[in-house]
C-alpha atoms as a PDB file:
ATOM      1  CA  MET A   1     109.747 109.792  86.596  1.00  0.00           C
ATOM      2  CA  GLN A   2     112.765 109.207  88.811  1.00  0.00           C
ATOM      3  CA  LYS A   3     111.123 111.205  91.592  1.00  0.00           C
ATOM      4  CA  PHE A   4     108.037 108.975  91.340  1.00  0.00           C
ATOM      5  CA  MET A   5     110.166 105.821  91.591  1.00  0.00           C
ATOM      6  CA  ARG A   6     111.952 107.199  94.644  1.00  0.00           C
ATOM      7  CA  LEU A   7     108.621 107.982  96.326  1.00  0.00           C
ATOM      8  CA  PHE A   8     107.290 104.546  95.400  1.00  0.00           C
ATOM      9  CA  PHE A   9     110.233 102.748  97.016  1.00  0.00           C
ATOM     10  CA  LEU A  10     110.113 105.000 100.078  1.00  0.00           C
ATOM     11  CA  GLY A  11     106.419 104.163 100.448  1.00  0.00           C
ATOM     12  CA  LEU A  12     107.101 100.470 100.018  1.00  0.00           C
ATOM     13  CA  PHE A  13     109.882 100.583 102.604  1.00  0.00           C
ATOM     14  CA  PHE A  14     107.593 102.479 105.014  1.00  0.00           C
ATOM     15  CA  ILE A  15     104.837  99.847 104.623  1.00  0.00           C
ATOM     16  CA  LEU A  16     107.329  97.019 105.217  1.00  0.00           C
ATOM     17  CA  PHE A  17     108.704  98.848 108.262  1.00  0.00           C
ATOM     18  CA  MET A  18     105.205  99.403 109.676  1.00  0.00           C
ATOM     19  CA  THR A  19     104.204  95.759 109.199  1.00  0.00           C
ATOM     20  CA  THR A  20     107.198  94.629 111.288  1.00  0.00           C
ATOM     21  CA  GLN A  21     105.513  96.003 114.430  1.00  0.00           C
ATOM     22  CA  ILE A  22     104.714  92.448 115.476  1.00  0.00           C
ATOM     23  CA  LYS A  23     104.615  91.348 119.101  1.00  0.00           C
ATOM     24  CA  ALA A  24     106.586  88.353 120.383  1.00  0.00           C
ATOM     25  CA  ASP A  25     103.626  85.983 119.904  1.00  0.00           C
ATOM     26  CA  GLY A  26     103.543  86.866 116.211  1.00  0.00           C
ATOM     27  CA  CYS A  27     100.434  89.041 116.037  1.00  0.00           C
ATOM     28  CA  LEU A  28      99.965  92.702 115.162  1.00  0.00           C
ATOM     29  CA  THR A  29      99.047  95.122 117.933  1.00  0.00           C
ATOM     30  CA  TYR A  30      96.158  97.618 117.887  1.00  0.00           C
ATOM     31  CA  ASP A  31      96.463 100.300 115.182  1.00  0.00           C
ATOM     32  CA  SER A  32      99.320  98.491 113.441  1.00  0.00           C
ATOM     33  CA  LEU A  33      99.358  98.638 109.665  1.00  0.00           C
ATOM     34  CA  CYS A  34      98.241  95.318 108.211  1.00  0.00           C
ATOM     35  CA  SER A  35      97.313  93.688 104.933  1.00  0.00           C
ATOM     36  CA  THR A  36      93.726  92.486 104.553  1.00  0.00           C
ATOM     37  CA  MET A  37      95.003  89.501 102.555  1.00  0.00           C
ATOM     38  CA  TYR A  38      97.537  88.521 105.242  1.00  0.00           C
ATOM     39  CA  ASP A  39      95.654  89.147 108.480  1.00  0.00           C
ATOM     40  CA  LYS A  40      97.773  88.560 111.589  1.00  0.00           C
ATOM     41  CA  CYS A  41      96.095  90.886 114.088  1.00  0.00           C
ATOM     42  CA  CYS A  42      95.912  89.897 117.742  1.00  0.00           C
ATOM     43  CA  THR A  43      92.885  88.234 119.335  1.00  0.00           C
ATOM     44  CA  SER A  44      89.555  90.077 119.077  1.00  0.00           C
ATOM     45  CA  MET A  45      90.973  92.352 116.362  1.00  0.00           C
ATOM     46  CA  LYS A  46      90.522  92.399 112.612  1.00  0.00           C
ATOM     47  CA  CYS A  47      92.326  94.155 109.774  1.00  0.00           C
ATOM     48  CA  LYS A  48      89.940  96.877 108.618  1.00  0.00           C
ATOM     49  CA  GLY A  49      90.622  98.632 105.332  1.00  0.00           C
ATOM     50  CA  PHE A  50      90.864  98.051 101.599  1.00  0.00           C
ATOM     51  CA  PHE A  51      93.929  95.936 100.692  1.00  0.00           C
ATOM     52  CA  PHE A  52      95.914  97.651 103.464  1.00  0.00           C
ATOM     53  CA  GLY A  53      94.373  98.712 106.735  1.00  0.00           C
ATOM     54  CA  TYR A  54      94.834  98.901 110.480  1.00  0.00           C
ATOM     55  CA  CYS A  55      94.150  96.379 113.232  1.00  0.00           C
ATOM     56  CA  LYS A  56      90.955  97.439 114.987  1.00  0.00           C
ATOM     57  CA  SER A  57      88.655  95.863 117.578  1.00  0.00           C
ATOM     58  CA  ILE A  58      85.926  93.670 116.086  1.00  0.00           C
END
């Protein structure tokens, strides 16, 4: 159980770290991890995935 919790928090930290790959203008670059509910991909890109995904060209 403790091992599961450790993996869960490591995963959560990794997701938070990945979502901080934001450019100066406040948008996510191509192939950056994003949340489909909080879409902040750059122009002409959309967050593709289920709940979490990656910024891809439209």
